[in-house]
Amino acid sequence: NVYIKSKNSIYSLFKQNFSFALIILSYMIYSSAELYMLSFTNQNYATGIYSIAIRLALISNLILQTVNSIIAPKITNLYFTNSFKKFEKMILTISRGLLAISLFFLSLFVIFGKKILHLWGSDFVDGYHVLIILSLAQVINLCTGPSGQLLTLCGQQKSQMFLAISLIPVSILVSYFFVINFGLLGAAYAGASVIIIDNIVRVYIIYKKIGINYIKIFKI
């Protein structure tokens, strides 16, 4: 019996870690598909500009990652002790705060984006609209708060895994269409589209599986 329990425990641990690995690998692919597509179509000039623009747009995302690492134990504790009201309040409060931060960075790039890009050279100013489009997508990404972390910590790894895997072909097709037809700006549209789709589906899954309604973020 001890051997069977130990074997089941190892299998369960392997299964969980395998899901995490697939999620991370899938994310690495679908979150960079438009950049790979620019390189694949030999648009070297556009690839260089896009690389800088996306790095700037992702600055606000670093704050989200920091928040995720800090609140993970608290999320798990509140969820599994059935303190749903406190749990929901914490998630929505964090999401509102992250929304405010993302809007700050968006405003910063709208006003000073060209000057910031000019630090890399005058040619990089061509990436201004790319930066704004990607920053708008980050507003959506941050206003959903720790949605990815939430799915993982609340036992919805399978849903998260299927979503991540499904986004790979979606991101490739979207990137191909937009990059081929619109070049540098198309890459920004593709990247933003995938981010928005990812977050909308996550929010829907969270609402159906966990019960948190993200519309409440906008209620005073």
N, C-alpha and C. Protein backbone atom coordinates (compact mmCIF):
# COMPACT_ATOMS: atom_id res chain seq x y z
N ASN A 1 0.82 -1.22 0.00
CA ASN A 1 0.00 0.00 0.00
C ASN A 1 0.86 1.27 0.00
N VAL A 2 1.93 1.22 0.79
CA VAL A 2 2.84 2.37 0.84
C VAL A 2 3.48 2.59 -0.53
N TYR A 3 3.82 1.45 -1.19
CA TYR A 3 4.45 1.53 -2.53
C TYR A 3 3.48 2.13 -3.53
N ILE A 4 2.20 1.70 -3.47
CA ILE A 4 1.18 2.18 -4.40
C ILE A 4 0.94 3.68 -4.19
N LYS A 5 0.84 4.09 -2.90
CA LYS A 5 0.63 5.50 -2.59
C LYS A 5 1.80 6.35 -3.07
N SER A 6 3.01 5.82 -2.86
CA SER A 6 4.21 6.53 -3.29
C SER A 6 4.25 6.66 -4.81
N LYS A 7 3.88 5.58 -5.49
CA LYS A 7 3.86 5.58 -6.96
C LYS A 7 2.84 6.57 -7.49
N ASN A 8 1.64 6.60 -6.86
CA ASN A 8 0.59 7.53 -7.27
C ASN A 8 1.01 8.97 -7.03
N SER A 9 1.72 9.18 -5.91
CA SER A 9 2.19 10.52 -5.56
C SER A 9 3.21 11.02 -6.58
N ILE A 10 4.12 10.14 -6.97
CA ILE A 10 5.13 10.50 -7.97
C ILE A 10 4.49 10.80 -9.32
N TYR A 11 3.49 9.95 -9.69
CA TYR A 11 2.79 10.15 -10.96
C TYR A 11 2.04 11.49 -10.97
N SER A 12 1.39 11.78 -9.82
CA SER A 12 0.64 13.03 -9.70
C SER A 12 1.56 14.24 -9.81
N LEU A 13 2.74 14.15 -9.16
CA LEU A 13 3.72 15.23 -9.21
C LEU A 13 4.26 15.42 -10.62
N PHE A 14 4.53 14.29 -11.30
CA PHE A 14 5.04 14.35 -12.67
C PHE A 14 4.00 14.99 -13.59
N LYS A 15 2.74 14.59 -13.42
CA LYS A 15 1.66 15.10 -14.25
C LYS A 15 1.51 16.61 -14.07
N GLN A 16 1.61 17.07 -12.82
CA GLN A 16 1.48 18.49 -12.53
C GLN A 16 2.64 19.28 -13.13
N ASN A 17 3.85 18.77 -12.93
CA ASN A 17 5.03 19.46 -13.47
C ASN A 17 5.05 19.46 -15.00
N PHE A 18 4.53 18.37 -15.59
CA PHE A 18 4.45 18.29 -17.05
C PHE A 18 3.50 19.36 -17.58
N SER A 19 2.38 19.57 -16.87
CA SER A 19 1.42 20.61 -17.27
C SER A 19 2.06 21.98 -17.20
N PHE A 20 2.80 22.25 -16.12
CA PHE A 20 3.48 23.53 -15.97
C PHE A 20 4.49 23.76 -17.09
N ALA A 21 5.23 22.70 -17.41
CA ALA A 21 6.25 22.79 -18.46
C ALA A 21 5.61 23.10 -19.82
N LEU A 22 4.49 22.45 -20.10
CA LEU A 22 3.79 22.69 -21.36
C LEU A 22 3.25 24.12 -21.44
N ILE A 23 2.74 24.62 -20.31
CA ILE A 23 2.22 25.99 -20.26
C ILE A 23 3.33 26.99 -20.57
N ILE A 24 4.48 26.80 -19.91
CA ILE A 24 5.62 27.71 -20.09
C ILE A 24 6.14 27.64 -21.52
N LEU A 25 6.29 26.42 -22.04
CA LEU A 25 6.79 26.24 -23.41
C LEU A 25 5.83 26.86 -24.43
N SER A 26 4.55 26.62 -24.24
CA SER A 26 3.54 27.17 -25.15
C SER A 26 3.55 28.69 -25.11
N TYR A 27 3.69 29.25 -23.90
CA TYR A 27 3.72 30.71 -23.75
C TYR A 27 4.91 31.31 -24.50
N MET A 28 6.05 30.65 -24.37
CA MET A 28 7.26 31.14 -25.04
C MET A 28 7.08 31.19 -26.55
N ILE A 29 6.28 30.25 -27.08
CA ILE A 29 6.05 30.20 -28.52
C ILE A 29 5.00 31.23 -28.95
N TYR A 30 3.81 31.19 -28.32
CA TYR A 30 2.74 32.06 -28.81
C TYR A 30 2.95 33.54 -28.46
N SER A 31 3.73 33.83 -27.43
CA SER A 31 3.95 35.23 -27.07
C SER A 31 5.01 35.91 -27.95
N SER A 32 5.72 35.12 -28.75
CA SER A 32 6.76 35.69 -29.61
C SER A 32 6.58 35.35 -31.08
N ALA A 33 5.42 34.80 -31.42
CA ALA A 33 5.19 34.34 -32.80
C ALA A 33 5.35 35.46 -33.82
N GLU A 34 4.88 36.66 -33.50
CA GLU A 34 4.95 37.77 -34.45
C GLU A 34 6.40 38.21 -34.68
N LEU A 35 7.23 38.11 -33.63
CA LEU A 35 8.65 38.46 -33.78
C LEU A 35 9.36 37.43 -34.66
N TYR A 36 9.04 36.16 -34.44
CA TYR A 36 9.61 35.10 -35.28
C TYR A 36 9.17 35.26 -36.73
N MET A 37 7.92 35.70 -36.91
CA MET A 37 7.39 35.86 -38.27
C MET A 37 8.10 37.00 -39.00
N LEU A 38 8.41 38.06 -38.28
CA LEU A 38 9.18 39.16 -38.88
C LEU A 38 10.55 38.66 -39.33
N SER A 39 11.19 37.87 -38.49
CA SER A 39 12.51 37.32 -38.83
C SER A 39 12.40 36.34 -39.99
N PHE A 40 11.35 35.52 -39.97
CA PHE A 40 11.14 34.51 -41.01
C PHE A 40 10.93 35.14 -42.38
N THR A 41 10.29 36.31 -42.39
CA THR A 41 10.03 37.00 -43.66
C THR A 41 11.15 37.99 -44.02
N ASN A 42 12.27 37.86 -43.30
CA ASN A 42 13.48 38.65 -43.57
C ASN A 42 13.27 40.16 -43.45
N GLN A 43 12.41 40.55 -42.53
CA GLN A 43 12.20 41.98 -42.28
C GLN A 43 13.11 42.41 -41.12
N ASN A 44 14.40 42.43 -41.38
CA ASN A 44 15.39 42.68 -40.33
C ASN A 44 15.26 44.06 -39.69
N TYR A 45 14.99 45.06 -40.52
CA TYR A 45 14.80 46.42 -40.01
C TYR A 45 13.63 46.47 -39.03
N ALA A 46 12.52 45.87 -39.43
CA ALA A 46 11.33 45.86 -38.59
C ALA A 46 11.53 45.02 -37.33
N THR A 47 12.28 43.92 -37.45
CA THR A 47 12.54 43.05 -36.31
C THR A 47 13.29 43.79 -35.20
N GLY A 48 14.29 44.58 -35.60
CA GLY A 48 15.06 45.34 -34.62
C GLY A 48 14.21 46.37 -33.89
N ILE A 49 13.39 47.08 -34.64
CA ILE A 49 12.51 48.09 -34.04
C ILE A 49 11.47 47.44 -33.13
N TYR A 50 10.89 46.34 -33.59
CA TYR A 50 9.86 45.66 -32.81
C TYR A 50 10.43 45.13 -31.50
N SER A 51 11.65 44.63 -31.54
CA SER A 51 12.29 44.08 -30.34
C SER A 51 12.40 45.12 -29.23
N ILE A 52 12.76 46.34 -29.61
CA ILE A 52 12.87 47.42 -28.62
C ILE A 52 11.49 47.84 -28.13
N ALA A 53 10.54 47.98 -29.05
CA ALA A 53 9.20 48.43 -28.68
C ALA A 53 8.52 47.45 -27.72
N ILE A 54 8.68 46.17 -27.97
CA ILE A 54 8.01 45.19 -27.11
C ILE A 54 8.67 45.12 -25.73
N ARG A 55 9.97 45.33 -25.68
CA ARG A 55 10.66 45.35 -24.38
C ARG A 55 10.18 46.52 -23.53
N LEU A 56 9.99 47.66 -24.16
CA LEU A 56 9.47 48.82 -23.43
C LEU A 56 8.04 48.58 -22.97
N ALA A 57 7.22 48.03 -23.85
CA ALA A 57 5.81 47.77 -23.51
C ALA A 57 5.67 46.77 -22.37
N LEU A 58 6.64 45.87 -22.26
CA LEU A 58 6.57 44.82 -21.24
C LEU A 58 7.12 45.25 -19.88
N ILE A 59 7.56 46.49 -19.76
CA ILE A 59 8.08 46.97 -18.47
C ILE A 59 7.00 46.85 -17.40
N SER A 60 5.78 47.25 -17.74
CA SER A 60 4.68 47.17 -16.76
C SER A 60 4.38 45.73 -16.37
N ASN A 61 4.67 44.80 -17.28
CA ASN A 61 4.42 43.39 -17.01
C ASN A 61 5.35 42.84 -15.92
N LEU A 62 6.51 43.49 -15.74
CA LEU A 62 7.42 43.08 -14.68
C LEU A 62 6.79 43.27 -13.31
N ILE A 63 5.96 44.31 -13.20
CA ILE A 63 5.25 44.57 -11.94
C ILE A 63 4.23 43.46 -11.68
N LEU A 64 3.54 43.01 -12.74
CA LEU A 64 2.60 41.91 -12.62
C LEU A 64 3.30 40.64 -12.14
N GLN A 65 4.46 40.35 -12.70
CA GLN A 65 5.21 39.15 -12.29
C GLN A 65 5.63 39.24 -10.83
N THR A 66 6.03 40.43 -10.39
CA THR A 66 6.41 40.63 -8.98
C THR A 66 5.21 40.41 -8.07
N VAL A 67 4.07 40.97 -8.46
CA VAL A 67 2.84 40.81 -7.68
C VAL A 67 2.45 39.34 -7.59
N ASN A 68 2.56 38.63 -8.70
CA ASN A 68 2.23 37.20 -8.73
C ASN A 68 3.04 36.42 -7.70
N SER A 69 4.33 36.69 -7.63
CA SER A 69 5.20 35.95 -6.72
C SER A 69 4.90 36.28 -5.26
N ILE A 70 4.45 37.51 -5.00
CA ILE A 70 4.17 37.93 -3.62
C ILE A 70 2.85 37.37 -3.11
N ILE A 71 1.82 37.40 -3.98
CA ILE A 71 0.48 37.05 -3.50
C ILE A 71 0.13 35.57 -3.64
N ALA A 72 0.97 34.79 -4.29
CA ALA A 72 0.65 33.38 -4.53
C ALA A 72 0.23 32.62 -3.26
N PRO A 73 0.99 32.70 -2.16
CA PRO A 73 0.58 31.97 -0.95
C PRO A 73 -0.76 32.45 -0.40
N LYS A 74 -1.00 33.76 -0.48
CA LYS A 74 -2.25 34.34 0.03
C LYS A 74 -3.44 33.86 -0.80
N ILE A 75 -3.28 33.82 -2.12
CA ILE A 75 -4.36 33.34 -3.00
C ILE A 75 -4.73 31.91 -2.64
N THR A 76 -3.73 31.06 -2.53
CA THR A 76 -3.96 29.65 -2.23
C THR A 76 -4.66 29.49 -0.90
N ASN A 77 -4.21 30.22 0.09
CA ASN A 77 -4.79 30.12 1.43
C ASN A 77 -6.25 30.54 1.46
N LEU A 78 -6.56 31.68 0.87
CA LEU A 78 -7.94 32.19 0.87
C LEU A 78 -8.87 31.29 0.06
N TYR A 79 -8.37 30.77 -1.06
CA TYR A 79 -9.22 29.94 -1.92
C TYR A 79 -9.58 28.62 -1.25
N PHE A 80 -8.60 27.97 -0.66
CA PHE A 80 -8.83 26.65 -0.08
C PHE A 80 -9.37 26.68 1.35
N THR A 81 -9.51 27.88 1.94
CA THR A 81 -10.16 28.00 3.25
C THR A 81 -11.58 28.55 3.10
N ASN A 82 -12.04 28.59 1.84
CA ASN A 82 -13.42 29.02 1.52
C ASN A 82 -13.74 30.45 1.96
N SER A 83 -12.72 31.31 1.96
CA SER A 83 -12.95 32.73 2.27
C SER A 83 -13.15 33.48 0.95
N PHE A 84 -14.27 33.15 0.27
CA PHE A 84 -14.43 33.63 -1.11
C PHE A 84 -14.53 35.14 -1.21
N LYS A 85 -15.26 35.78 -0.29
CA LYS A 85 -15.43 37.24 -0.37
C LYS A 85 -14.10 37.97 -0.23
N LYS A 86 -13.28 37.52 0.72
CA LYS A 86 -11.96 38.12 0.90
C LYS A 86 -11.08 37.82 -0.31
N PHE A 87 -11.21 36.60 -0.80
CA PHE A 87 -10.46 36.15 -1.97
C PHE A 87 -10.77 37.00 -3.19
N GLU A 88 -12.06 37.18 -3.47
CA GLU A 88 -12.49 37.97 -4.62
C GLU A 88 -12.09 39.43 -4.46
N LYS A 89 -12.26 39.96 -3.26
CA LYS A 89 -11.92 41.37 -3.00
C LYS A 89 -10.43 41.62 -3.25
N MET A 90 -9.58 40.67 -2.81
CA MET A 90 -8.14 40.83 -2.99
C MET A 90 -7.77 40.82 -4.48
N ILE A 91 -8.35 39.88 -5.23
CA ILE A 91 -8.05 39.78 -6.67
C ILE A 91 -8.48 41.03 -7.40
N LEU A 92 -9.68 41.53 -7.11
CA LEU A 92 -10.20 42.71 -7.80
C LEU A 92 -9.42 43.97 -7.41
N THR A 93 -9.03 44.07 -6.13
CA THR A 93 -8.24 45.22 -5.68
C THR A 93 -6.89 45.26 -6.38
N ILE A 94 -6.24 44.09 -6.46
CA ILE A 94 -4.95 43.99 -7.15
C ILE A 94 -5.11 44.35 -8.62
N SER A 95 -6.17 43.86 -9.24
CA SER A 95 -6.41 44.13 -10.66
C SER A 95 -6.62 45.62 -10.93
N ARG A 96 -7.34 46.29 -10.02
CA ARG A 96 -7.53 47.74 -10.16
C ARG A 96 -6.20 48.48 -10.06
N GLY A 97 -5.37 48.06 -9.11
CA GLY A 97 -4.06 48.69 -8.94
C GLY A 97 -3.18 48.49 -10.16
N LEU A 98 -3.21 47.28 -10.71
CA LEU A 98 -2.41 46.98 -11.90
C LEU A 98 -2.93 47.73 -13.12
N LEU A 99 -4.25 47.91 -13.19
CA LEU A 99 -4.85 48.70 -14.28
C LEU A 99 -4.34 50.13 -14.23
N ALA A 100 -4.30 50.70 -13.03
CA ALA A 100 -3.81 52.08 -12.86
C ALA A 100 -2.35 52.19 -13.29
N ILE A 101 -1.54 51.20 -12.94
CA ILE A 101 -0.12 51.20 -13.32
C ILE A 101 0.04 51.11 -14.84
N SER A 102 -0.75 50.24 -15.46
CA SER A 102 -0.66 50.08 -16.92
C SER A 102 -1.08 51.35 -17.65
N LEU A 103 -2.08 52.05 -17.11
CA LEU A 103 -2.52 53.31 -17.71
C LEU A 103 -1.45 54.40 -17.55
N PHE A 104 -0.73 54.34 -16.44
CA PHE A 104 0.37 55.29 -16.23
C PHE A 104 1.45 55.09 -17.30
N PHE A 105 1.83 53.83 -17.53
CA PHE A 105 2.86 53.55 -18.53
C PHE A 105 2.37 53.88 -19.94
N LEU A 106 1.10 53.62 -20.21
CA LEU A 106 0.53 53.96 -21.52
C LEU A 106 0.61 55.47 -21.74
N SER A 107 0.23 56.25 -20.74
CA SER A 107 0.29 57.71 -20.84
C SER A 107 1.72 58.19 -21.03
N LEU A 108 2.64 57.54 -20.31
CA LEU A 108 4.06 57.89 -20.41
C LEU A 108 4.56 57.69 -21.84
N PHE A 109 4.18 56.56 -22.44
CA PHE A 109 4.65 56.25 -23.79
C PHE A 109 3.95 57.11 -24.85
N VAL A 110 2.69 57.45 -24.61
CA VAL A 110 1.98 58.33 -25.55
C VAL A 110 2.66 59.70 -25.61
N ILE A 111 3.04 60.20 -24.43
CA ILE A 111 3.64 61.54 -24.36
C ILE A 111 5.13 61.54 -24.73
N PHE A 112 5.86 60.58 -24.18
CA PHE A 112 7.32 60.60 -24.34
C PHE A 112 7.87 59.43 -25.17
N GLY A 113 6.98 58.66 -25.77
CA GLY A 113 7.40 57.47 -26.50
C GLY A 113 8.44 57.71 -27.58
N LYS A 114 8.25 58.76 -28.36
CA LYS A 114 9.18 59.04 -29.45
C LYS A 114 10.57 59.42 -28.93
N LYS A 115 10.57 60.19 -27.85
CA LYS A 115 11.86 60.59 -27.25
C LYS A 115 12.58 59.38 -26.66
N ILE A 116 11.81 58.49 -26.04
CA ILE A 116 12.40 57.28 -25.44
C ILE A 116 12.98 56.40 -26.53
N LEU A 117 12.23 56.19 -27.60
CA LEU A 117 12.71 55.35 -28.71
C LEU A 117 13.92 55.97 -29.41
N HIS A 118 13.97 57.29 -29.41
CA HIS A 118 15.08 57.99 -30.06
C HIS A 118 16.41 57.71 -29.36
N LEU A 119 16.36 57.25 -28.11
CA LEU A 119 17.58 56.90 -27.38
C LEU A 119 18.35 55.77 -28.08
N TRP A 120 17.63 54.94 -28.83
CA TRP A 120 18.26 53.85 -29.58
C TRP A 120 18.67 54.28 -30.99
N GLY A 121 18.25 55.48 -31.38
CA GLY A 121 18.57 55.98 -32.72
C GLY A 121 17.32 56.52 -33.38
N SER A 122 17.50 57.41 -34.33
CA SER A 122 16.35 58.06 -35.00
C SER A 122 15.45 57.07 -35.73
N ASP A 123 16.03 55.98 -36.25
CA ASP A 123 15.24 54.99 -36.98
C ASP A 123 14.21 54.31 -36.08
N PHE A 124 14.52 54.20 -34.80
CA PHE A 124 13.64 53.47 -33.88
C PHE A 124 12.36 54.24 -33.55
N VAL A 125 12.33 55.53 -33.89
CA VAL A 125 11.11 56.32 -33.69
C VAL A 125 9.97 55.76 -34.53
N ASP A 126 10.31 55.03 -35.60
CA ASP A 126 9.29 54.38 -36.44
C ASP A 126 8.48 53.36 -35.64
N GLY A 127 8.98 52.98 -34.51
CA GLY A 127 8.28 51.99 -33.68
C GLY A 127 7.31 52.61 -32.69
N TYR A 128 7.06 53.92 -32.81
CA TYR A 128 6.18 54.62 -31.86
C TYR A 128 4.78 54.00 -31.80
N HIS A 129 4.16 53.83 -32.97
CA HIS A 129 2.79 53.29 -32.99
C HIS A 129 2.76 51.83 -32.54
N VAL A 130 3.83 51.12 -32.82
CA VAL A 130 3.96 49.74 -32.34
C VAL A 130 3.96 49.74 -30.81
N LEU A 131 4.73 50.64 -30.23
CA LEU A 131 4.81 50.76 -28.77
C LEU A 131 3.45 51.08 -28.16
N ILE A 132 2.70 51.96 -28.79
CA ILE A 132 1.38 52.34 -28.26
C ILE A 132 0.40 51.17 -28.35
N ILE A 133 0.41 50.47 -29.47
CA ILE A 133 -0.49 49.31 -29.65
C ILE A 133 -0.18 48.22 -28.61
N LEU A 134 1.09 47.93 -28.43
CA LEU A 134 1.48 46.90 -27.46
C LEU A 134 1.21 47.34 -26.03
N SER A 135 1.33 48.63 -25.76
CA SER A 135 1.04 49.16 -24.42
C SER A 135 -0.45 49.09 -24.13
N LEU A 136 -1.27 49.32 -25.14
CA LEU A 136 -2.72 49.16 -24.98
C LEU A 136 -3.08 47.72 -24.65
N ALA A 137 -2.38 46.79 -25.30
CA ALA A 137 -2.60 45.37 -25.01
C ALA A 137 -2.20 45.04 -23.58
N GLN A 138 -1.15 45.70 -23.09
CA GLN A 138 -0.72 45.47 -21.71
C GLN A 138 -1.72 46.02 -20.70
N VAL A 139 -2.47 47.02 -21.09
CA VAL A 139 -3.55 47.53 -20.22
C VAL A 139 -4.56 46.41 -19.99
N ILE A 140 -4.92 45.71 -21.06
CA ILE A 140 -5.84 44.57 -20.95
C ILE A 140 -5.21 43.46 -20.11
N ASN A 141 -3.93 43.21 -20.36
CA ASN A 141 -3.22 42.15 -19.66
C ASN A 141 -3.16 42.41 -18.15
N LEU A 142 -2.85 43.64 -17.77
CA LEU A 142 -2.71 43.94 -16.36
C LEU A 142 -4.05 44.12 -15.64
N CYS A 143 -5.08 44.57 -16.36
CA CYS A 143 -6.36 44.77 -15.67
C CYS A 143 -7.03 43.44 -15.32
N THR A 144 -6.58 42.35 -15.94
CA THR A 144 -7.10 41.03 -15.53
C THR A 144 -6.31 40.48 -14.35
N GLY A 145 -5.32 41.26 -13.90
CA GLY A 145 -4.59 40.89 -12.70
C GLY A 145 -3.83 39.58 -12.84
N PRO A 146 -3.71 38.86 -11.74
CA PRO A 146 -2.94 37.60 -11.75
C PRO A 146 -3.78 36.43 -12.28
N SER A 147 -4.39 36.62 -13.45
CA SER A 147 -5.33 35.61 -13.97
C SER A 147 -4.67 34.26 -14.24
N GLY A 148 -3.48 34.29 -14.84
CA GLY A 148 -2.78 33.03 -15.10
C GLY A 148 -2.39 32.33 -13.82
N GLN A 149 -1.88 33.10 -12.87
CA GLN A 149 -1.51 32.57 -11.56
C GLN A 149 -2.73 32.02 -10.84
N LEU A 150 -3.83 32.70 -11.00
CA LEU A 150 -5.09 32.31 -10.36
C LEU A 150 -5.56 30.94 -10.84
N LEU A 151 -5.51 30.72 -12.15
CA LEU A 151 -5.92 29.44 -12.71
C LEU A 151 -5.03 28.31 -12.21
N THR A 152 -3.74 28.57 -12.16
CA THR A 152 -2.79 27.55 -11.74
C THR A 152 -2.96 27.19 -10.26
N LEU A 153 -3.05 28.22 -9.40
CA LEU A 153 -3.11 27.99 -7.96
C LEU A 153 -4.45 27.45 -7.48
N CYS A 154 -5.48 27.67 -8.30
CA CYS A 154 -6.82 27.21 -7.90
C CYS A 154 -7.22 25.90 -8.57
N GLY A 155 -6.22 25.16 -9.04
CA GLY A 155 -6.47 23.82 -9.56
C GLY A 155 -6.98 23.75 -10.98
N GLN A 156 -6.78 24.83 -11.74
CA GLN A 156 -7.25 24.86 -13.14
C GLN A 156 -6.09 24.79 -14.13
N GLN A 157 -5.04 24.01 -13.75
CA GLN A 157 -3.87 23.89 -14.62
C GLN A 157 -4.23 23.32 -15.98
N LYS A 158 -5.18 22.38 -15.98
CA LYS A 158 -5.57 21.74 -17.24
C LYS A 158 -6.19 22.77 -18.20
N SER A 159 -7.07 23.61 -17.66
CA SER A 159 -7.68 24.66 -18.49
C SER A 159 -6.63 25.62 -19.01
N GLN A 160 -5.70 25.98 -18.13
CA GLN A 160 -4.61 26.87 -18.51
C GLN A 160 -3.73 26.25 -19.58
N MET A 161 -3.48 24.96 -19.43
CA MET A 161 -2.63 24.24 -20.39
C MET A 161 -3.28 24.17 -21.76
N PHE A 162 -4.57 23.81 -21.81
CA PHE A 162 -5.28 23.72 -23.09
C PHE A 162 -5.35 25.08 -23.78
N LEU A 163 -5.55 26.14 -22.99
CA LEU A 163 -5.59 27.48 -23.56
C LEU A 163 -4.24 27.85 -24.17
N ALA A 164 -3.17 27.58 -23.42
CA ALA A 164 -1.82 27.92 -23.90
C ALA A 164 -1.48 27.17 -25.18
N ILE A 165 -1.80 25.88 -25.22
CA ILE A 165 -1.51 25.07 -26.42
C ILE A 165 -2.35 25.55 -27.61
N SER A 166 -3.61 25.89 -27.34
CA SER A 166 -4.51 26.35 -28.41
C SER A 166 -4.05 27.67 -29.02
N LEU A 167 -3.39 28.48 -28.21
CA LEU A 167 -2.95 29.80 -28.70
C LEU A 167 -1.75 29.72 -29.65
N ILE A 168 -1.07 28.58 -29.66
CA ILE A 168 0.09 28.45 -30.56
C ILE A 168 -0.33 28.56 -32.03
N PRO A 169 -1.26 27.71 -32.52
CA PRO A 169 -1.66 27.86 -33.93
C PRO A 169 -2.37 29.18 -34.20
N VAL A 170 -3.12 29.67 -33.21
CA VAL A 170 -3.81 30.96 -33.38
C VAL A 170 -2.80 32.07 -33.60
N SER A 171 -1.76 32.11 -32.76
CA SER A 171 -0.74 33.17 -32.85
C SER A 171 0.04 33.07 -34.16
N ILE A 172 0.31 31.86 -34.62
CA ILE A 172 1.05 31.68 -35.88
C ILE A 172 0.23 32.18 -37.07
N LEU A 173 -1.04 31.80 -37.11
CA LEU A 173 -1.91 32.22 -38.21
C LEU A 173 -2.13 33.73 -38.21
N VAL A 174 -2.42 34.28 -37.03
CA VAL A 174 -2.66 35.72 -36.91
C VAL A 174 -1.39 36.49 -37.29
N SER A 175 -0.24 36.02 -36.80
CA SER A 175 1.03 36.68 -37.09
C SER A 175 1.35 36.64 -38.58
N TYR A 176 1.11 35.49 -39.20
CA TYR A 176 1.38 35.35 -40.63
C TYR A 176 0.53 36.35 -41.43
N PHE A 177 -0.76 36.39 -41.11
CA PHE A 177 -1.66 37.27 -41.85
C PHE A 177 -1.27 38.74 -41.70
N PHE A 178 -1.08 39.19 -40.46
CA PHE A 178 -0.81 40.59 -40.21
C PHE A 178 0.58 41.02 -40.66
N VAL A 179 1.58 40.17 -40.42
CA VAL A 179 2.95 40.53 -40.80
C VAL A 179 3.11 40.59 -42.32
N ILE A 180 2.53 39.60 -43.01
CA ILE A 180 2.61 39.57 -44.47
C ILE A 180 1.92 40.79 -45.09
N ASN A 181 0.81 41.19 -44.51
CA ASN A 181 0.02 42.28 -45.09
C ASN A 181 0.38 43.67 -44.59
N PHE A 182 0.86 43.76 -43.34
CA PHE A 182 1.08 45.09 -42.76
C PHE A 182 2.48 45.29 -42.17
N GLY A 183 3.34 44.30 -42.29
CA GLY A 183 4.72 44.45 -41.85
C GLY A 183 4.88 44.72 -40.36
N LEU A 184 5.65 45.77 -40.04
CA LEU A 184 5.96 46.11 -38.65
C LEU A 184 4.70 46.38 -37.82
N LEU A 185 3.81 47.18 -38.36
CA LEU A 185 2.57 47.50 -37.65
C LEU A 185 1.70 46.25 -37.50
N GLY A 186 1.76 45.40 -38.51
CA GLY A 186 1.01 44.15 -38.46
C GLY A 186 1.47 43.25 -37.33
N ALA A 187 2.77 43.25 -37.08
CA ALA A 187 3.31 42.45 -35.97
C ALA A 187 2.73 42.92 -34.65
N ALA A 188 2.60 44.24 -34.51
CA ALA A 188 2.01 44.81 -33.29
C ALA A 188 0.55 44.41 -33.15
N TYR A 189 -0.20 44.47 -34.26
CA TYR A 189 -1.60 44.05 -34.23
C TYR A 189 -1.72 42.57 -33.84
N ALA A 190 -0.82 41.75 -34.39
CA ALA A 190 -0.84 40.32 -34.09
C ALA A 190 -0.53 40.06 -32.62
N GLY A 191 0.54 40.69 -32.12
CA GLY A 191 0.92 40.49 -30.72
C GLY A 191 -0.17 40.95 -29.77
N ALA A 192 -0.77 42.10 -30.07
CA ALA A 192 -1.84 42.64 -29.23
C ALA A 192 -3.08 41.75 -29.27
N SER A 193 -3.40 41.24 -30.45
CA SER A 193 -4.57 40.37 -30.61
C SER A 193 -4.45 39.12 -29.77
N VAL A 194 -3.29 38.50 -29.77
CA VAL A 194 -3.07 37.26 -29.01
C VAL A 194 -3.16 37.53 -27.51
N ILE A 195 -2.59 38.65 -27.07
CA ILE A 195 -2.67 39.03 -25.64
C ILE A 195 -4.13 39.22 -25.22
N ILE A 196 -4.89 39.91 -26.05
CA ILE A 196 -6.30 40.18 -25.73
C ILE A 196 -7.12 38.89 -25.72
N ILE A 197 -6.93 38.04 -26.72
CA ILE A 197 -7.65 36.75 -26.76
C ILE A 197 -7.31 35.91 -25.53
N ASP A 198 -6.03 35.83 -25.21
CA ASP A 198 -5.56 35.08 -24.05
C ASP A 198 -6.26 35.54 -22.78
N ASN A 199 -6.31 36.83 -22.56
CA ASN A 199 -6.89 37.37 -21.33
C ASN A 199 -8.41 37.26 -21.28
N ILE A 200 -9.07 37.44 -22.40
CA ILE A 200 -10.53 37.30 -22.44
C ILE A 200 -10.94 35.87 -22.09
N VAL A 201 -10.23 34.90 -22.67
CA VAL A 201 -10.54 33.50 -22.39
C VAL A 201 -10.24 33.15 -20.94
N ARG A 202 -9.12 33.65 -20.42
CA ARG A 202 -8.78 33.41 -19.01
C ARG A 202 -9.87 33.94 -18.08
N VAL A 203 -10.30 35.18 -18.34
CA VAL A 203 -11.34 35.80 -17.52
C VAL A 203 -12.63 34.99 -17.56
N TYR A 204 -12.97 34.48 -18.74
CA TYR A 204 -14.18 33.64 -18.89
C TYR A 204 -14.04 32.36 -18.08
N ILE A 205 -12.88 31.71 -18.18
CA ILE A 205 -12.65 30.47 -17.43
C ILE A 205 -12.72 30.72 -15.92
N ILE A 206 -12.11 31.82 -15.49
CA ILE A 206 -12.14 32.17 -14.06
C ILE A 206 -13.57 32.40 -13.58
N TYR A 207 -14.35 33.06 -14.42
CA TYR A 207 -15.76 33.32 -14.05
C TYR A 207 -16.55 32.01 -13.95
N LYS A 208 -16.36 31.12 -14.91
CA LYS A 208 -17.11 29.86 -14.94
C LYS A 208 -16.62 28.86 -13.90
N LYS A 209 -15.31 28.78 -13.69
CA LYS A 209 -14.74 27.75 -12.82
C LYS A 209 -14.54 28.21 -11.38
N ILE A 210 -14.23 29.50 -11.21
CA ILE A 210 -13.88 29.99 -9.87
C ILE A 210 -14.95 30.93 -9.31
N GLY A 211 -15.60 31.68 -10.21
CA GLY A 211 -16.72 32.52 -9.78
C GLY A 211 -16.42 34.00 -9.65
N ILE A 212 -15.23 34.42 -10.04
CA ILE A 212 -14.88 35.84 -9.96
C ILE A 212 -15.31 36.56 -11.23
N ASN A 213 -16.08 37.63 -11.05
CA ASN A 213 -16.56 38.42 -12.18
C ASN A 213 -15.70 39.68 -12.32
N TYR A 214 -14.87 39.71 -13.35
CA TYR A 214 -13.94 40.82 -13.51
C TYR A 214 -14.61 42.14 -13.88
N ILE A 215 -15.89 42.10 -14.25
CA ILE A 215 -16.62 43.34 -14.54
C ILE A 215 -16.68 44.22 -13.30
N LYS A 216 -16.61 43.57 -12.13
CA LYS A 216 -16.67 44.30 -10.86
C LYS A 216 -15.48 45.24 -10.65
N ILE A 217 -14.43 45.05 -11.45
CA ILE A 217 -13.26 45.95 -11.35
C ILE A 217 -13.69 47.39 -11.57
N PHE A 218 -14.67 47.59 -12.46
CA PHE A 218 -15.07 48.93 -12.85
C PHE A 218 -16.22 49.48 -12.00
N LYS A 219 -16.61 48.72 -10.98
CA LYS A 219 -17.65 49.18 -10.06
C LYS A 219 -16.99 49.88 -8.86
N ILE A 220 -17.49 51.04 -8.54
CA ILE A 220 -16.93 51.80 -7.41
C ILE A 220 -17.54 51.31 -6.09
